[in-house]
């Protein structure tokens, strides 16, 4: 449990959303996958330097914009 959560046990999802400037739905989704997120070993150098490569949703459109 993070220190700020220990200090504020009465926080609800709406309070967390305001604190971190995210939507309540995002808080809910994060909490649903809590095990996944807490199991990540951040001391692993591979994870720290990982870059996400996502394909463009509309690649032809983005190529035209680029030109």
N, C-alpha and C. Protein backbone atom coordinates (compact mmCIF):
# COMPACT_ATOMS: atom_id res chain seq x y z
N UNK A 1 0.85 -1.18 0.00
CA UNK A 1 0.00 0.00 0.00
C UNK A 1 0.90 1.25 0.00
N UNK A 2 0.67 2.17 -0.93
CA UNK A 2 1.48 3.40 -0.99
C UNK A 2 1.29 4.25 0.26
N UNK A 3 2.32 5.03 0.62
CA UNK A 3 2.24 5.87 1.83
C UNK A 3 1.05 6.82 1.83
N UNK A 4 0.73 7.44 0.71
CA UNK A 4 -0.38 8.39 0.69
C UNK A 4 -1.71 7.69 0.92
N UNK A 5 -1.79 6.41 0.53
CA UNK A 5 -3.03 5.67 0.77
C UNK A 5 -3.14 5.29 2.26
N UNK A 6 -2.02 4.98 2.89
CA UNK A 6 -2.02 4.68 4.32
C UNK A 6 -2.41 5.91 5.13
N UNK A 7 -1.95 7.07 4.66
CA UNK A 7 -2.25 8.32 5.36
C UNK A 7 -3.69 8.78 5.15
N UNK A 8 -4.32 8.30 4.08
CA UNK A 8 -5.69 8.71 3.74
C UNK A 8 -6.57 7.50 3.45
N UNK A 9 -6.82 6.66 4.45
CA UNK A 9 -7.58 5.42 4.21
C UNK A 9 -9.03 5.65 3.76
N UNK A 10 -9.53 6.86 3.98
CA UNK A 10 -10.92 7.13 3.60
C UNK A 10 -11.06 7.57 2.14
N UNK A 11 -9.94 7.65 1.41
CA UNK A 11 -10.02 8.04 0.00
C UNK A 11 -10.87 7.04 -0.76
N UNK A 12 -11.72 7.55 -1.65
CA UNK A 12 -12.46 6.66 -2.54
C UNK A 12 -11.92 6.85 -3.96
N UNK A 13 -12.49 6.15 -4.92
CA UNK A 13 -11.97 6.22 -6.29
C UNK A 13 -12.03 7.63 -6.86
N UNK A 14 -13.06 8.37 -6.52
CA UNK A 14 -13.18 9.74 -7.02
C UNK A 14 -12.06 10.62 -6.45
N UNK A 15 -11.73 10.42 -5.19
CA UNK A 15 -10.64 11.19 -4.57
C UNK A 15 -9.30 10.88 -5.24
N UNK A 16 -9.06 9.59 -5.51
CA UNK A 16 -7.82 9.20 -6.18
C UNK A 16 -7.76 9.81 -7.59
N UNK A 17 -8.88 9.80 -8.28
CA UNK A 17 -8.93 10.36 -9.63
C UNK A 17 -8.56 11.85 -9.61
N UNK A 18 -9.09 12.58 -8.64
CA UNK A 18 -8.77 14.00 -8.52
C UNK A 18 -7.30 14.20 -8.17
N UNK A 19 -6.79 13.39 -7.22
CA UNK A 19 -5.41 13.52 -6.77
C UNK A 19 -4.42 13.34 -7.93
N UNK A 20 -4.68 12.35 -8.79
CA UNK A 20 -3.75 12.05 -9.87
C UNK A 20 -4.19 12.61 -11.21
N UNK A 21 -5.25 13.39 -11.22
CA UNK A 21 -5.77 14.04 -12.42
C UNK A 21 -6.04 13.02 -13.53
N UNK A 22 -6.75 11.97 -13.18
CA UNK A 22 -7.17 10.96 -14.15
C UNK A 22 -8.66 10.71 -13.94
N UNK A 23 -9.27 9.96 -14.85
CA UNK A 23 -10.70 9.70 -14.72
C UNK A 23 -10.96 8.61 -13.68
N UNK A 24 -12.18 8.59 -13.19
CA UNK A 24 -12.58 7.58 -12.21
C UNK A 24 -12.52 6.19 -12.85
N UNK A 25 -12.84 6.11 -14.14
CA UNK A 25 -12.77 4.84 -14.86
C UNK A 25 -11.33 4.32 -14.91
N UNK A 26 -10.37 5.21 -15.10
CA UNK A 26 -8.96 4.80 -15.11
C UNK A 26 -8.56 4.23 -13.75
N UNK A 27 -9.01 4.87 -12.68
CA UNK A 27 -8.72 4.38 -11.33
C UNK A 27 -9.30 2.98 -11.17
N UNK A 28 -10.52 2.80 -11.60
CA UNK A 28 -11.19 1.51 -11.50
C UNK A 28 -10.42 0.44 -12.29
N UNK A 29 -10.00 0.77 -13.50
CA UNK A 29 -9.26 -0.19 -14.33
C UNK A 29 -7.90 -0.53 -13.72
N UNK A 30 -7.24 0.45 -13.16
CA UNK A 30 -5.95 0.22 -12.50
C UNK A 30 -6.13 -0.71 -11.30
N UNK A 31 -7.16 -0.45 -10.52
CA UNK A 31 -7.41 -1.29 -9.34
C UNK A 31 -7.78 -2.72 -9.73
N UNK A 32 -8.50 -2.88 -10.84
CA UNK A 32 -8.85 -4.22 -11.31
C UNK A 32 -7.60 -5.03 -11.65
N UNK A 33 -6.57 -4.34 -12.16
CA UNK A 33 -5.34 -5.01 -12.58
C UNK A 33 -4.20 -4.77 -11.59
N UNK A 34 -4.56 -4.54 -10.33
CA UNK A 34 -3.58 -4.23 -9.29
C UNK A 34 -2.46 -5.26 -9.22
N UNK A 35 -2.79 -6.54 -9.30
CA UNK A 35 -1.78 -7.60 -9.22
C UNK A 35 -0.77 -7.48 -10.36
N UNK A 36 -1.26 -7.17 -11.53
CA UNK A 36 -0.38 -7.03 -12.71
C UNK A 36 0.62 -5.89 -12.48
N UNK A 37 0.12 -4.75 -12.01
CA UNK A 37 0.97 -3.58 -11.85
C UNK A 37 1.93 -3.70 -10.66
N UNK A 38 1.49 -4.34 -9.59
CA UNK A 38 2.36 -4.47 -8.43
C UNK A 38 3.40 -5.58 -8.59
N UNK A 39 3.21 -6.45 -9.58
CA UNK A 39 4.17 -7.54 -9.79
C UNK A 39 5.32 -7.13 -10.70
N UNK A 40 5.30 -5.96 -11.29
CA UNK A 40 6.37 -5.50 -12.18
C UNK A 40 7.61 -5.18 -11.36
N UNK A 41 8.73 -5.74 -11.77
CA UNK A 41 10.00 -5.50 -11.09
C UNK A 41 10.66 -4.27 -11.72
N UNK A 42 10.51 -3.11 -11.10
CA UNK A 42 11.04 -1.88 -11.68
C UNK A 42 12.55 -1.76 -11.56
N UNK A 43 13.16 -2.66 -10.79
CA UNK A 43 14.62 -2.64 -10.71
C UNK A 43 15.25 -3.30 -11.93
N UNK A 44 14.43 -3.97 -12.72
CA UNK A 44 14.90 -4.62 -13.94
C UNK A 44 15.21 -3.55 -14.98
N UNK A 45 16.47 -3.47 -15.40
CA UNK A 45 16.90 -2.43 -16.34
C UNK A 45 16.14 -2.52 -17.67
N UNK A 46 15.79 -3.73 -18.07
CA UNK A 46 15.07 -3.93 -19.32
C UNK A 46 13.71 -3.21 -19.28
N UNK A 47 13.02 -3.29 -18.16
CA UNK A 47 11.72 -2.65 -18.01
C UNK A 47 11.87 -1.13 -17.98
N UNK A 48 12.90 -0.64 -17.30
CA UNK A 48 13.10 0.81 -17.19
C UNK A 48 13.32 1.46 -18.56
N UNK A 49 14.05 0.78 -19.43
CA UNK A 49 14.40 1.37 -20.72
C UNK A 49 13.47 0.97 -21.85
N UNK A 50 12.39 0.26 -21.51
CA UNK A 50 11.48 -0.22 -22.54
C UNK A 50 10.72 0.94 -23.16
N UNK A 51 10.63 0.90 -24.47
CA UNK A 51 9.85 1.89 -25.20
C UNK A 51 8.70 1.14 -25.87
N UNK A 52 7.54 1.74 -25.83
CA UNK A 52 6.37 1.08 -26.41
C UNK A 52 6.28 1.47 -27.87
N UNK A 53 6.15 0.48 -28.72
CA UNK A 53 6.01 0.72 -30.15
C UNK A 53 4.58 0.38 -30.54
N UNK A 54 3.80 1.39 -30.80
CA UNK A 54 2.41 1.17 -31.18
C UNK A 54 2.24 1.57 -32.63
N UNK A 55 1.51 0.73 -33.35
CA UNK A 55 1.21 1.04 -34.74
C UNK A 55 0.17 2.16 -34.78
N UNK A 56 0.26 2.94 -35.82
CA UNK A 56 -0.70 4.03 -35.98
C UNK A 56 -2.08 3.45 -36.25
N UNK A 57 -3.09 4.08 -35.72
CA UNK A 57 -4.45 3.61 -35.90
C UNK A 57 -4.89 3.81 -37.36
N UNK A 58 -4.49 4.93 -37.93
CA UNK A 58 -4.82 5.24 -39.32
C UNK A 58 -3.52 5.53 -40.06
N UNK A 59 -2.77 4.48 -40.34
CA UNK A 59 -1.43 4.66 -40.89
C UNK A 59 -1.41 5.38 -42.24
N UNK A 60 -2.38 5.09 -43.11
CA UNK A 60 -2.40 5.77 -44.42
C UNK A 60 -2.66 7.27 -44.23
N UNK A 61 -3.54 7.60 -43.35
CA UNK A 61 -3.85 8.99 -43.08
C UNK A 61 -2.62 9.71 -42.51
N UNK A 62 -1.94 9.07 -41.57
CA UNK A 62 -0.75 9.68 -40.98
C UNK A 62 0.37 9.83 -42.00
N UNK A 63 0.49 8.88 -42.91
CA UNK A 63 1.51 9.00 -43.97
C UNK A 63 1.20 10.19 -44.88
N UNK A 64 -0.08 10.36 -45.21
CA UNK A 64 -0.48 11.50 -46.03
C UNK A 64 -0.21 12.81 -45.31
N UNK A 65 -0.48 12.86 -44.01
CA UNK A 65 -0.21 14.06 -43.24
C UNK A 65 1.29 14.38 -43.22
N UNK A 66 2.09 13.33 -43.09
CA UNK A 66 3.52 13.51 -43.05
C UNK A 66 4.05 14.12 -44.35
N UNK A 67 3.48 13.66 -45.47
CA UNK A 67 3.90 14.20 -46.77
C UNK A 67 3.46 15.64 -46.91
